[in-house]
């Protein structure tokens, strides 16, 4: 079988299965099998595949036919110009989330680098944490409740040579960062002090935000992603309710300037704003749109 024949076969098979971009997926998967680029394929359509290459390609196409995401099949996904390792234990990074990164980078641009700290809650693959560390050169604490996800995140930090700037903590939402600041407060034995090491804390939180209705109507590909990273109760806001309750309870021990970015479903904007203001009535909120013009990220100054 030649490269052209393999692509045509895969295209037909995936198209019949209802895959949205059958030829593109076939090209990506065949290039992966041959450890080459899509451009190389176009220049070698008449080349014949070796038997082990055919076997590997057939297996991947069969899995794609059952709607397993391409990112899981090739083991990586591009985010903010970098390739991140992904597997079934982590959510696949989305382009929409790059808006949050951009906003956080801008918010940190004028902060004192020696007194600013970043926390990425529900880090998953570590895409947000590693990207923020690379773009800001600030220390980042990456938190996830799933140790399997943390393993993936640590691998990404190591691959991108950022293990010295990202600290990984297992825990529920903001609990590890709160614990860290309680330790700092205890060691200084003061509530407010000019020698207190951090003035600014920026929190990035792309937490689970799918409602029960959304979970019942997931796209076939999304059903392969970890439910822990998707499901968040009846209205999809359970995780954010818990996060802002944690922050409210321990607000006094956190830095004076607290900026939180959360990613939401566009339909959750009003409900999400209400839950934030319920916990912090004087908070300043601004909602930002993604590249599709949908409400995607809420910026909160507490």
C-alpha atoms as a PDB file:
ATOM      1  CA  UNK A   1       0.000   0.000   0.000  1.00  0.00           C
ATOM      2  CA  UNK A   2       1.339   3.423  -0.969  1.00  0.00           C
ATOM      3  CA  UNK A   3       1.062   6.571   1.102  1.00  0.00           C
ATOM      4  CA  UNK A   4      -1.661   7.891  -1.208  1.00  0.00           C
ATOM      5  CA  UNK A   5      -3.609   4.640  -0.992  1.00  0.00           C
ATOM      6  CA  UNK A   6      -3.301   4.583   2.783  1.00  0.00           C
ATOM      7  CA  UNK A   7      -4.607   8.134   3.075  1.00  0.00           C
ATOM      8  CA  UNK A   8      -7.522   7.472   0.739  1.00  0.00           C
ATOM      9  CA  UNK A   9      -8.461   4.311   2.620  1.00  0.00           C
ATOM     10  CA  UNK A  10      -8.301   6.089   5.983  1.00  0.00           C
ATOM     11  CA  UNK A  11     -10.223   9.094   4.695  1.00  0.00           C
ATOM     12  CA  UNK A  12     -13.090   6.918   3.486  1.00  0.00           C
ATOM     13  CA  UNK A  13     -13.154   4.904   6.687  1.00  0.00           C
ATOM     14  CA  UNK A  14     -13.196   7.954   8.972  1.00  0.00           C
ATOM     15  CA  UNK A  15     -15.683   9.850   6.824  1.00  0.00           C
ATOM     16  CA  UNK A  16     -18.147   6.972   7.062  1.00  0.00           C
ATOM     17  CA  UNK A  17     -17.667   7.000  10.852  1.00  0.00           C
ATOM     18  CA  UNK A  18     -18.724  10.653  10.969  1.00  0.00           C
ATOM     19  CA  UNK A  19     -15.342  12.144  11.838  1.00  0.00           C
ATOM     20  CA  UNK A  20     -15.334  15.886  11.090  1.00  0.00           C
ATOM     21  CA  UNK A  21     -11.921  16.130   9.413  1.00  0.00           C
ATOM     22  CA  UNK A  22     -11.161  12.638   8.073  1.00  0.00           C
ATOM     23  CA  UNK A  23      -8.334  13.485   5.655  1.00  0.00           C
ATOM     24  CA  UNK A  24      -6.572  15.840   8.056  1.00  0.00           C
ATOM     25  CA  UNK A  25      -6.724  13.227  10.813  1.00  0.00           C
ATOM     26  CA  UNK A  26      -5.441  10.557   8.406  1.00  0.00           C
ATOM     27  CA  UNK A  27      -2.508  12.767   7.421  1.00  0.00           C
ATOM     28  CA  UNK A  28      -1.592  13.531  11.035  1.00  0.00           C
ATOM     29  CA  UNK A  29      -1.762   9.881  12.055  1.00  0.00           C
ATOM     30  CA  UNK A  30       0.203   8.599   9.070  1.00  0.00           C
ATOM     31  CA  UNK A  31       2.891  11.249   9.580  1.00  0.00           C
ATOM     32  CA  UNK A  32       3.069  10.134  13.209  1.00  0.00           C
ATOM     33  CA  UNK A  33       3.462   6.494  12.199  1.00  0.00           C
ATOM     34  CA  UNK A  34       6.268   7.380   9.811  1.00  0.00           C
ATOM     35  CA  UNK A  35       7.861   9.837  12.241  1.00  0.00           C
ATOM     36  CA  UNK A  36       7.772  12.567   9.625  1.00  0.00           C
ATOM     37  CA  UNK A  37       5.816  15.688   8.659  1.00  0.00           C
ATOM     38  CA  UNK A  38       2.636  16.123   6.644  1.00  0.00           C
ATOM     39  CA  UNK A  39       4.656  18.074   4.074  1.00  0.00           C
ATOM     40  CA  UNK A  40       6.921  15.040   3.564  1.00  0.00           C
ATOM     41  CA  UNK A  41       3.882  12.872   2.857  1.00  0.00           C
ATOM     42  CA  UNK A  42       2.772  15.144   0.030  1.00  0.00           C
ATOM     43  CA  UNK A  43       6.133  14.737  -1.682  1.00  0.00           C
ATOM     44  CA  UNK A  44       6.159  10.939  -1.333  1.00  0.00           C
ATOM     45  CA  UNK A  45       2.639   9.814  -2.244  1.00  0.00           C
ATOM     46  CA  UNK A  46       3.982   6.927  -4.334  1.00  0.00           C
ATOM     47  CA  UNK A  47       6.209   5.510  -1.583  1.00  0.00           C
ATOM     48  CA  UNK A  48       5.128   2.184  -0.167  1.00  0.00           C
ATOM     49  CA  UNK A  49       4.535   1.589   3.529  1.00  0.00           C
ATOM     50  CA  UNK A  50       6.395  -1.150   5.341  1.00  0.00           C
ATOM     51  CA  UNK A  51       4.309  -3.873   6.939  1.00  0.00           C
ATOM     52  CA  UNK A  52       4.873  -2.658  10.504  1.00  0.00           C
ATOM     53  CA  UNK A  53       3.955   0.896   9.457  1.00  0.00           C
ATOM     54  CA  UNK A  54       0.729  -0.328   7.872  1.00  0.00           C
ATOM     55  CA  UNK A  55      -0.147  -2.303  10.978  1.00  0.00           C
ATOM     56  CA  UNK A  56       0.426   0.671  13.261  1.00  0.00           C
ATOM     57  CA  UNK A  57      -1.547   2.996  10.981  1.00  0.00           C
ATOM     58  CA  UNK A  58      -4.487   0.572  10.731  1.00  0.00           C
ATOM     59  CA  UNK A  59      -4.606   0.336  14.516  1.00  0.00           C
ATOM     60  CA  UNK A  60      -4.659   4.105  14.975  1.00  0.00           C
ATOM     61  CA  UNK A  61      -7.348   4.582  12.341  1.00  0.00           C
ATOM     62  CA  UNK A  62      -9.470   1.941  14.054  1.00  0.00           C
ATOM     63  CA  UNK A  63      -9.162   3.826  17.348  1.00  0.00           C
ATOM     64  CA  UNK A  64      -9.937   7.138  15.629  1.00  0.00           C
ATOM     65  CA  UNK A  65     -12.947   5.504  14.015  1.00  0.00           C
ATOM     66  CA  UNK A  66     -14.192   4.940  17.564  1.00  0.00           C
ATOM     67  CA  UNK A  67     -13.661   8.669  18.126  1.00  0.00           C
ATOM     68  CA  UNK A  68     -10.599   8.516  20.328  1.00  0.00           C
ATOM     69  CA  UNK A  69      -9.066  12.021  20.064  1.00  0.00           C
ATOM     70  CA  UNK A  70      -6.102  12.486  17.746  1.00  0.00           C
ATOM     71  CA  UNK A  71      -4.166  14.153  20.572  1.00  0.00           C
ATOM     72  CA  UNK A  72      -4.355  10.958  22.637  1.00  0.00           C
ATOM     73  CA  UNK A  73      -3.385   8.833  19.647  1.00  0.00           C
ATOM     74  CA  UNK A  74      -0.205  10.804  18.965  1.00  0.00           C
ATOM     75  CA  UNK A  75       0.389  11.626  22.630  1.00  0.00           C
ATOM     76  CA  UNK A  76       0.690  15.387  22.307  1.00  0.00           C
ATOM     77  CA  UNK A  77      -1.206  18.629  21.746  1.00  0.00           C
ATOM     78  CA  UNK A  78       0.031  22.108  20.837  1.00  0.00           C
ATOM     79  CA  UNK A  79      -0.774  24.930  23.266  1.00  0.00           C
ATOM     80  CA  UNK A  80       0.523  28.484  23.132  1.00  0.00           C
ATOM     81  CA  UNK A  81       3.245  27.476  20.690  1.00  0.00           C
ATOM     82  CA  UNK A  82       4.523  24.479  22.643  1.00  0.00           C
ATOM     83  CA  UNK A  83       3.809  20.747  22.368  1.00  0.00           C
ATOM     84  CA  UNK A  84       2.477  19.164  25.548  1.00  0.00           C
ATOM     85  CA  UNK A  85       2.355  15.479  26.376  1.00  0.00           C
ATOM     86  CA  UNK A  86      -1.227  14.308  26.903  1.00  0.00           C
ATOM     87  CA  UNK A  87      -2.897  11.012  27.718  1.00  0.00           C
ATOM     88  CA  UNK A  88      -6.203   9.707  29.031  1.00  0.00           C
ATOM     89  CA  UNK A  89      -5.465  11.085  32.515  1.00  0.00           C
ATOM     90  CA  UNK A  90      -5.596  14.736  31.441  1.00  0.00           C
ATOM     91  CA  UNK A  91      -7.894  17.049  29.554  1.00  0.00           C
ATOM     92  CA  UNK A  92      -6.674  17.997  26.088  1.00  0.00           C
ATOM     93  CA  UNK A  93      -5.625  21.688  26.091  1.00  0.00           C
ATOM     94  CA  UNK A  94      -7.970  23.900  24.060  1.00  0.00           C
ATOM     95  CA  UNK A  95      -7.173  27.064  22.078  1.00  0.00           C
ATOM     96  CA  UNK A  96      -9.890  28.869  24.068  1.00  0.00           C
ATOM     97  CA  UNK A  97      -7.804  28.489  27.220  1.00  0.00           C
ATOM     98  CA  UNK A  98      -4.955  30.462  25.666  1.00  0.00           C
ATOM     99  CA  UNK A  99      -7.058  33.571  26.373  1.00  0.00           C
ATOM    100  CA  UNK A 100      -6.646  32.950  30.103  1.00  0.00           C
ATOM    101  CA  UNK A 101      -2.885  32.629  29.729  1.00  0.00           C
ATOM    102  CA  UNK A 102      -2.676  35.874  27.779  1.00  0.00           C
ATOM    103  CA  UNK A 103      -4.730  37.705  30.400  1.00  0.00           C
ATOM    104  CA  UNK A 104      -2.634  36.364  33.267  1.00  0.00           C
ATOM    105  CA  UNK A 105       0.610  37.309  31.516  1.00  0.00           C
ATOM    106  CA  UNK A 106      -0.693  40.849  30.989  1.00  0.00           C
ATOM    107  CA  UNK A 107      -1.841  41.114  34.609  1.00  0.00           C
ATOM    108  CA  UNK A 108       1.618  40.116  35.819  1.00  0.00           C
ATOM    109  CA  UNK A 109       3.556  42.388  33.488  1.00  0.00           C
ATOM    110  CA  UNK A 110       3.794  45.329  35.915  1.00  0.00           C
ATOM    111  CA  UNK A 111       4.103  43.347  39.145  1.00  0.00           C
ATOM    112  CA  UNK A 112       7.237  43.136  41.259  1.00  0.00           C
ATOM    113  CA  UNK A 113       8.761  39.823  40.088  1.00  0.00           C
ATOM    114  CA  UNK A 114      10.265  39.228  43.517  1.00  0.00           C
ATOM    115  CA  UNK A 115       6.905  39.550  45.273  1.00  0.00           C
ATOM    116  CA  UNK A 116       4.528  37.866  42.806  1.00  0.00           C
ATOM    117  CA  UNK A 117       3.408  34.239  42.767  1.00  0.00           C
ATOM    118  CA  UNK A 118       1.239  32.299  40.338  1.00  0.00           C
ATOM    119  CA  UNK A 119      -1.004  29.309  41.114  1.00  0.00           C
ATOM    120  CA  UNK A 120      -2.599  27.034  38.509  1.00  0.00           C
ATOM    121  CA  UNK A 121      -5.483  25.105  40.056  1.00  0.00           C
ATOM    122  CA  UNK A 122      -6.574  21.873  38.386  1.00  0.00           C
ATOM    123  CA  UNK A 123      -3.386  21.893  36.329  1.00  0.00           C
ATOM    124  CA  UNK A 124      -4.058  18.657  34.405  1.00  0.00           C
ATOM    125  CA  UNK A 125      -1.375  18.429  31.716  1.00  0.00           C
ATOM    126  CA  UNK A 126       0.349  21.457  33.202  1.00  0.00           C
ATOM    127  CA  UNK A 127      -0.204  23.455  30.010  1.00  0.00           C
ATOM    128  CA  UNK A 128      -1.257  26.626  31.846  1.00  0.00           C
ATOM    129  CA  UNK A 129       1.353  26.348  34.614  1.00  0.00           C
ATOM    130  CA  UNK A 130       4.285  25.594  32.317  1.00  0.00           C
ATOM    131  CA  UNK A 131       3.251  28.275  29.835  1.00  0.00           C
ATOM    132  CA  UNK A 132       2.910  30.924  32.542  1.00  0.00           C
ATOM    133  CA  UNK A 133       6.288  29.972  33.994  1.00  0.00           C
ATOM    134  CA  UNK A 134       7.881  30.229  30.563  1.00  0.00           C
ATOM    135  CA  UNK A 135       6.205  33.496  29.630  1.00  0.00           C
ATOM    136  CA  UNK A 136       6.580  35.345  32.955  1.00  0.00           C
ATOM    137  CA  UNK A 137       9.698  33.715  34.477  1.00  0.00           C
ATOM    138  CA  UNK A 138       7.834  33.768  37.793  1.00  0.00           C
ATOM    139  CA  UNK A 139       7.446  30.867  40.245  1.00  0.00           C
ATOM    140  CA  UNK A 140       4.302  28.848  39.622  1.00  0.00           C
ATOM    141  CA  UNK A 141       2.554  26.388  41.941  1.00  0.00           C
ATOM    142  CA  UNK A 142       0.669  23.756  39.931  1.00  0.00           C
ATOM    143  CA  UNK A 143      -2.078  21.928  41.836  1.00  0.00           C
ATOM    144  CA  UNK A 144      -4.235  18.943  40.992  1.00  0.00           C
ATOM    145  CA  UNK A 145      -6.195  16.433  43.035  1.00  0.00           C
ATOM    146  CA  UNK A 146      -5.316  13.637  40.588  1.00  0.00           C
ATOM    147  CA  UNK A 147      -1.795  12.252  41.037  1.00  0.00           C
ATOM    148  CA  UNK A 148      -1.911  10.670  37.556  1.00  0.00           C
ATOM    149  CA  UNK A 149      -2.473  14.125  36.070  1.00  0.00           C
ATOM    150  CA  UNK A 150       0.397  15.551  38.122  1.00  0.00           C
ATOM    151  CA  UNK A 151       2.700  12.908  36.667  1.00  0.00           C
ATOM    152  CA  UNK A 152       1.871  14.150  33.175  1.00  0.00           C
ATOM    153  CA  UNK A 153       2.296  17.796  34.218  1.00  0.00           C
ATOM    154  CA  UNK A 154       5.707  17.084  35.753  1.00  0.00           C
ATOM    155  CA  UNK A 155       6.817  15.354  32.556  1.00  0.00           C
ATOM    156  CA  UNK A 156       5.835  18.402  30.526  1.00  0.00           C
ATOM    157  CA  UNK A 157       7.770  20.696  32.845  1.00  0.00           C
ATOM    158  CA  UNK A 158      10.834  18.466  32.519  1.00  0.00           C
ATOM    159  CA  UNK A 159      10.605  18.284  28.733  1.00  0.00           C
ATOM    160  CA  UNK A 160      10.403  22.066  28.529  1.00  0.00           C
ATOM    161  CA  UNK A 161      13.243  22.491  31.056  1.00  0.00           C
ATOM    162  CA  UNK A 162      11.059  24.363  33.522  1.00  0.00           C
ATOM    163  CA  UNK A 163      11.149  22.003  36.481  1.00  0.00           C
ATOM    164  CA  UNK A 164      12.944  24.637  38.567  1.00  0.00           C
ATOM    165  CA  UNK A 165      10.184  27.231  38.176  1.00  0.00           C
ATOM    166  CA  UNK A 166       7.099  25.038  38.599  1.00  0.00           C
ATOM    167  CA  UNK A 167       6.316  23.413  41.944  1.00  0.00           C
ATOM    168  CA  UNK A 168       3.741  20.633  41.885  1.00  0.00           C
ATOM    169  CA  UNK A 169       1.350  20.007  44.751  1.00  0.00           C
ATOM    170  CA  UNK A 170      -1.355  17.374  45.169  1.00  0.00           C
ATOM    171  CA  UNK A 171      -4.520  18.711  46.725  1.00  0.00           C
ATOM    172  CA  UNK A 172      -8.030  20.046  46.366  1.00  0.00           C
ATOM    173  CA  UNK A 173      -8.267  23.383  44.538  1.00  0.00           C
ATOM    174  CA  UNK A 174      -6.657  26.185  46.596  1.00  0.00           C
ATOM    175  CA  UNK A 175      -5.955  24.113  49.723  1.00  0.00           C
ATOM    176  CA  UNK A 176      -2.213  23.576  49.015  1.00  0.00           C
ATOM    177  CA  UNK A 177      -1.592  27.257  48.280  1.00  0.00           C
ATOM    178  CA  UNK A 178      -3.528  28.279  51.386  1.00  0.00           C
ATOM    179  CA  UNK A 179      -1.464  25.828  53.409  1.00  0.00           C
ATOM    180  CA  UNK A 180       1.730  27.368  52.034  1.00  0.00           C
ATOM    181  CA  UNK A 181       0.674  30.877  53.019  1.00  0.00           C
ATOM    182  CA  UNK A 182      -0.376  29.734  56.475  1.00  0.00           C
ATOM    183  CA  UNK A 183       3.124  28.342  56.908  1.00  0.00           C
ATOM    184  CA  UNK A 184       4.630  31.624  55.729  1.00  0.00           C
ATOM    185  CA  UNK A 185       2.427  33.631  58.073  1.00  0.00           C
ATOM    186  CA  UNK A 186       3.322  31.348  60.945  1.00  0.00           C
ATOM    187  CA  UNK A 187       7.036  31.633  60.315  1.00  0.00           C
ATOM    188  CA  UNK A 188       6.913  35.446  60.280  1.00  0.00           C
ATOM    189  CA  UNK A 189       4.535  35.437  63.250  1.00  0.00           C
ATOM    190  CA  UNK A 190       2.736  38.505  61.909  1.00  0.00           C
ATOM    191  CA  UNK A 191      -0.498  39.161  60.059  1.00  0.00           C
ATOM    192  CA  UNK A 192       0.841  41.967  57.896  1.00  0.00           C
ATOM    193  CA  UNK A 193       4.487  42.820  57.455  1.00  0.00           C
ATOM    194  CA  UNK A 194       6.803  44.693  55.119  1.00  0.00           C
ATOM    195  CA  UNK A 195       8.978  41.600  55.026  1.00  0.00           C
ATOM    196  CA  UNK A 196       6.089  39.344  53.978  1.00  0.00           C
ATOM    197  CA  UNK A 197       7.503  37.773  50.797  1.00  0.00           C
ATOM    198  CA  UNK A 198       4.512  38.030  48.439  1.00  0.00           C
ATOM    199  CA  UNK A 199       2.402  41.038  47.563  1.00  0.00           C
ATOM    200  CA  UNK A 200       0.536  39.573  44.585  1.00  0.00           C
ATOM    201  CA  UNK A 201      -1.058  36.182  43.958  1.00  0.00           C
ATOM    202  CA  UNK A 202      -2.480  35.390  40.533  1.00  0.00           C
ATOM    203  CA  UNK A 203      -4.674  32.307  40.360  1.00  0.00           C
ATOM    204  CA  UNK A 204      -5.516  30.601  37.057  1.00  0.00           C
ATOM    205  CA  UNK A 205      -8.314  28.067  37.364  1.00  0.00           C
ATOM    206  CA  UNK A 206      -9.609  26.078  34.418  1.00  0.00           C
ATOM    207  CA  UNK A 207     -11.708  23.788  36.592  1.00  0.00           C
ATOM    208  CA  UNK A 208     -14.413  21.303  35.572  1.00  0.00           C
ATOM    209  CA  UNK A 209     -17.449  23.303  34.441  1.00  0.00           C
ATOM    210  CA  UNK A 210     -19.762  20.976  32.550  1.00  0.00           C
ATOM    211  CA  UNK A 211     -23.321  20.626  33.841  1.00  0.00           C
ATOM    212  CA  UNK A 212     -25.201  17.355  34.049  1.00  0.00           C
ATOM    213  CA  UNK A 213     -27.049  18.238  30.831  1.00  0.00           C
ATOM    214  CA  UNK A 214     -23.769  18.979  29.069  1.00  0.00           C
ATOM    215  CA  UNK A 215     -22.311  15.687  30.282  1.00  0.00           C
ATOM    216  CA  UNK A 216     -25.292  13.842  28.829  1.00  0.00           C
ATOM    217  CA  UNK A 217     -24.725  15.475  25.453  1.00  0.00           C
ATOM    218  CA  UNK A 218     -20.964  15.274  25.107  1.00  0.00           C
ATOM    219  CA  UNK A 219     -19.334  14.956  21.719  1.00  0.00           C
ATOM    220  CA  UNK A 220     -18.036  11.450  21.060  1.00  0.00           C
ATOM    221  CA  UNK A 221     -14.391  12.590  21.297  1.00  0.00           C
ATOM    222  CA  UNK A 222     -14.880  14.356  24.632  1.00  0.00           C
ATOM    223  CA  UNK A 223     -16.261  11.166  26.180  1.00  0.00           C
ATOM    224  CA  UNK A 224     -12.708   9.786  26.052  1.00  0.00           C
ATOM    225  CA  UNK A 225     -11.432  12.580  28.322  1.00  0.00           C
ATOM    226  CA  UNK A 226     -11.349  12.184  32.118  1.00  0.00           C
ATOM    227  CA  UNK A 227     -14.738  12.796  33.723  1.00  0.00           C
ATOM    228  CA  UNK A 228     -13.005  14.230  36.793  1.00  0.00           C
ATOM    229  CA  UNK A 229     -11.807  17.130  34.626  1.00  0.00           C
ATOM    230  CA  UNK A 230     -15.240  17.768  33.124  1.00  0.00           C
ATOM    231  CA  UNK A 231     -18.207  17.127  35.442  1.00  0.00           C
ATOM    232  CA  UNK A 232     -19.159  19.832  37.952  1.00  0.00           C
ATOM    233  CA  UNK A 233     -22.681  19.252  39.225  1.00  0.00           C
ATOM    234  CA  UNK A 234     -26.146  20.285  38.096  1.00  0.00           C
ATOM    235  CA  UNK A 235     -25.173  23.737  36.829  1.00  0.00           C
ATOM    236  CA  UNK A 236     -21.488  23.031  36.198  1.00  0.00           C
ATOM    237  CA  UNK A 237     -20.312  25.443  38.891  1.00  0.00           C
ATOM    238  CA  UNK A 238     -19.695  23.153  41.868  1.00  0.00           C
ATOM    239  CA  UNK A 239     -15.906  23.459  41.615  1.00  0.00           C
ATOM    240  CA  UNK A 240     -16.015  27.243  41.408  1.00  0.00           C
ATOM    241  CA  UNK A 241     -18.381  27.492  44.384  1.00  0.00           C
ATOM    242  CA  UNK A 242     -15.905  25.470  46.423  1.00  0.00           C
ATOM    243  CA  UNK A 243     -12.915  27.480  45.195  1.00  0.00           C
ATOM    244  CA  UNK A 244     -14.358  30.869  46.134  1.00  0.00           C
ATOM    245  CA  UNK A 245     -15.541  29.545  49.501  1.00  0.00           C
ATOM    246  CA  UNK A 246     -11.961  28.435  50.189  1.00  0.00           C
ATOM    247  CA  UNK A 247     -10.593  31.827  49.179  1.00  0.00           C
ATOM    248  CA  UNK A 248     -13.173  33.668  51.284  1.00  0.00           C
ATOM    249  CA  UNK A 249     -12.487  31.554  54.368  1.00  0.00           C
ATOM    250  CA  UNK A 250      -8.744  32.178  54.253  1.00  0.00           C
ATOM    251  CA  UNK A 251      -8.627  35.540  52.489  1.00  0.00           C
ATOM    252  CA  UNK A 252      -6.741  37.212  55.347  1.00  0.00           C
ATOM    253  CA  UNK A 253      -3.695  34.993  55.062  1.00  0.00           C
ATOM    254  CA  UNK A 254      -3.370  35.422  51.291  1.00  0.00           C
ATOM    255  CA  UNK A 255      -1.438  38.294  49.663  1.00  0.00           C
ATOM    256  CA  UNK A 256      -3.010  41.733  49.650  1.00  0.00           C
ATOM    257  CA  UNK A 257      -3.500  41.655  45.873  1.00  0.00           C
ATOM    258  CA  UNK A 258      -5.420  38.585  44.717  1.00  0.00           C
ATOM    259  CA  UNK A 259      -6.337  38.203  41.048  1.00  0.00           C
ATOM    260  CA  UNK A 260      -8.296  35.148  39.906  1.00  0.00           C
ATOM    261  CA  UNK A 261      -8.980  34.007  36.352  1.00  0.00           C
ATOM    262  CA  UNK A 262     -11.590  31.305  35.761  1.00  0.00           C
ATOM    263  CA  UNK A 263     -12.683  29.655  32.526  1.00  0.00           C
ATOM    264  CA  UNK A 264     -16.421  29.091  32.049  1.00  0.00           C
ATOM    265  CA  UNK A 265     -19.013  27.960  29.578  1.00  0.00           C
ATOM    266  CA  UNK A 266     -20.438  31.077  27.887  1.00  0.00           C
ATOM    267  CA  UNK A 267     -23.917  30.320  29.253  1.00  0.00           C
ATOM    268  CA  UNK A 268     -22.591  30.371  32.831  1.00  0.00           C
ATOM    269  CA  UNK A 269     -21.504  34.012  32.883  1.00  0.00           C
ATOM    270  CA  UNK A 270     -24.325  35.449  34.983  1.00  0.00           C
ATOM    271  CA  UNK A 271     -24.433  32.536  37.421  1.00  0.00           C
ATOM    272  CA  UNK A 272     -20.633  32.549  37.795  1.00  0.00           C
ATOM    273  CA  UNK A 273     -20.578  36.306  38.459  1.00  0.00           C
ATOM    274  CA  UNK A 274     -23.296  35.903  41.110  1.00  0.00           C
ATOM    275  CA  UNK A 275     -21.406  33.168  42.951  1.00  0.00           C
ATOM    276  CA  UNK A 276     -18.228  35.270  42.964  1.00  0.00           C
ATOM    277  CA  UNK A 277     -20.018  38.363  44.279  1.00  0.00           C
ATOM    278  CA  UNK A 278     -21.815  36.231  46.865  1.00  0.00           C
ATOM    279  CA  UNK A 279     -18.419  35.418  48.379  1.00  0.00           C
ATOM    280  CA  UNK A 280     -16.729  38.744  47.608  1.00  0.00           C
ATOM    281  CA  UNK A 281     -19.324  41.533  47.250  1.00  0.00           C
ATOM    282  CA  UNK A 282     -16.697  44.194  46.592  1.00  0.00           C
ATOM    283  CA  UNK A 283     -14.752  42.215  43.989  1.00  0.00           C
ATOM    284  CA  UNK A 284     -14.135  43.802  40.595  1.00  0.00           C
ATOM    285  CA  UNK A 285     -15.146  41.550  37.720  1.00  0.00           C
ATOM    286  CA  UNK A 286     -14.474  41.640  33.995  1.00  0.00           C
ATOM    287  CA  UNK A 287     -15.515  38.995  31.495  1.00  0.00           C
ATOM    288  CA  UNK A 288     -13.334  38.341  28.454  1.00  0.00           C
ATOM    289  CA  UNK A 289     -14.267  36.666  25.186  1.00  0.00           C
ATOM    290  CA  UNK A 290     -12.395  33.947  23.332  1.00  0.00           C
ATOM    291  CA  UNK A 291     -11.424  34.035  19.660  1.00  0.00           C
ATOM    292  CA  UNK A 292     -14.961  32.938  18.718  1.00  0.00           C
ATOM    293  CA  UNK A 293     -16.501  35.902  20.536  1.00  0.00           C
ATOM    294  CA  UNK A 294     -17.913  33.749  23.349  1.00  0.00           C
ATOM    295  CA  UNK A 295     -17.718  34.752  27.014  1.00  0.00           C
ATOM    296  CA  UNK A 296     -14.911  32.505  28.267  1.00  0.00           C
ATOM    297  CA  UNK A 297     -12.804  33.945  31.093  1.00  0.00           C
ATOM    298  CA  UNK A 298     -13.849  35.947  34.140  1.00  0.00           C
ATOM    299  CA  UNK A 299     -11.144  38.124  35.680  1.00  0.00           C
ATOM    300  CA  UNK A 300     -11.657  38.772  39.384  1.00  0.00           C
ATOM    301  CA  UNK A 301      -9.781  41.334  41.499  1.00  0.00           C
ATOM    302  CA  UNK A 302     -10.349  40.618  45.195  1.00  0.00           C
END
